[in-house]
């Protein structure tokens, strides 16, 4: 069975970044992935650097409060699109 995925939902800190800074090579990979997929990055912006780190990339940022973060991550993927969504992060 082949599943077509159009959307990727990614957690920022701990998945794409460490200490608020994108991990080495991640920016280039996001540029490549964004050519084929719509990307959403979930951020609490604990370090205040996520927006700047992701500036210029074709990603949609979805910010959440530290309180209730897990609930936000789990329930905020609804409504992104009709096809399966690829979830990558600490809540999966």
Protein backbone atom coordinates (compact mmCIF):
# COMPACT_ATOMS: atom_id res chain seq x y z
CA UNK A 1 0.00 0.00 0.00
CA UNK A 2 1.31 3.45 -0.91
CA UNK A 3 0.30 6.41 1.23
CA UNK A 4 0.52 9.87 -0.30
CA UNK A 5 1.63 12.54 2.17
CA UNK A 6 1.48 16.24 1.33
CA UNK A 7 2.02 17.81 4.73
CA UNK A 8 4.78 17.43 7.29
CA UNK A 9 4.31 18.72 10.83
CA UNK A 10 7.60 19.10 12.65
CA UNK A 11 8.43 19.90 16.25
CA UNK A 12 11.13 22.57 16.52
CA UNK A 13 13.30 22.27 19.61
CA UNK A 14 14.60 18.76 20.18
CA UNK A 15 13.72 17.65 16.64
CA UNK A 16 14.97 20.31 14.21
CA UNK A 17 16.95 22.32 16.73
CA UNK A 18 18.95 22.06 19.92
CA UNK A 19 18.97 24.91 22.40
CA UNK A 20 16.91 27.01 19.99
CA UNK A 21 19.42 26.75 17.10
CA UNK A 22 18.79 24.66 13.99
CA UNK A 23 20.96 21.58 14.00
CA UNK A 24 23.70 21.38 11.37
CA UNK A 25 22.36 20.54 7.91
CA UNK A 26 18.69 20.92 8.85
CA UNK A 27 18.12 24.19 6.97
CA UNK A 28 19.32 22.68 3.68
CA UNK A 29 17.16 19.60 4.23
CA UNK A 30 14.09 21.75 4.94
CA UNK A 31 14.69 23.67 1.70
CA UNK A 32 14.75 20.38 -0.20
CA UNK A 33 11.71 18.90 1.54
CA UNK A 34 9.69 22.09 1.06
CA UNK A 35 9.91 21.65 -2.71
CA UNK A 36 7.63 18.62 -2.47
CA UNK A 37 5.73 19.05 0.79
CA UNK A 38 3.97 21.74 2.78
CA UNK A 39 5.81 22.14 6.09
CA UNK A 40 4.40 23.21 9.45
CA UNK A 41 6.74 23.78 12.37
CA UNK A 42 5.32 23.81 15.89
CA UNK A 43 7.16 26.19 18.19
CA UNK A 44 6.98 27.31 21.80
CA UNK A 45 10.01 29.48 21.01
CA UNK A 46 11.52 28.79 24.42
CA UNK A 47 14.78 30.46 23.38
CA UNK A 48 13.22 33.26 21.31
CA UNK A 49 15.17 32.24 18.21
CA UNK A 50 12.87 29.98 16.16
CA UNK A 51 11.43 32.70 13.95
CA UNK A 52 14.89 34.03 13.07
CA UNK A 53 16.34 30.54 12.58
CA UNK A 54 13.54 29.59 10.16
CA UNK A 55 13.45 32.96 8.37
CA UNK A 56 13.33 32.63 4.59
CA UNK A 57 12.23 29.00 4.60
CA UNK A 58 8.93 27.87 3.12
CA UNK A 59 7.44 26.78 6.44
CA UNK A 60 4.34 27.78 8.35
CA UNK A 61 5.03 28.41 12.03
CA UNK A 62 2.41 27.42 14.59
CA UNK A 63 3.20 28.81 18.03
CA UNK A 64 1.92 27.40 21.30
CA UNK A 65 2.25 28.15 25.00
CA UNK A 66 4.45 26.00 27.20
CA UNK A 67 1.43 25.05 29.29
CA UNK A 68 -0.63 22.47 27.42
CA UNK A 69 2.06 21.95 24.78
CA UNK A 70 1.43 18.23 24.37
CA UNK A 71 -2.31 18.74 23.92
CA UNK A 72 -1.66 21.46 21.33
CA UNK A 73 0.74 19.24 19.39
CA UNK A 74 -1.63 16.30 19.33
CA UNK A 75 -4.80 18.23 18.44
CA UNK A 76 -3.43 20.99 16.21
CA UNK A 77 -2.79 18.69 13.26
CA UNK A 78 -6.47 18.46 12.41
CA UNK A 79 -7.56 20.67 9.55
CA UNK A 80 -4.17 20.83 7.85
CA UNK A 81 -5.35 18.82 4.88
CA UNK A 82 -7.41 15.88 3.67
CA UNK A 83 -4.48 13.52 3.05
CA UNK A 84 -2.35 11.77 5.65
CA UNK A 85 0.02 14.03 7.57
CA UNK A 86 3.57 13.06 8.51
CA UNK A 87 4.26 13.97 12.16
CA UNK A 88 7.89 14.31 13.27
CA UNK A 89 8.76 15.21 16.81
CA UNK A 90 8.75 14.46 20.47
CA UNK A 91 4.99 13.90 20.72
CA UNK A 92 4.80 11.09 18.18
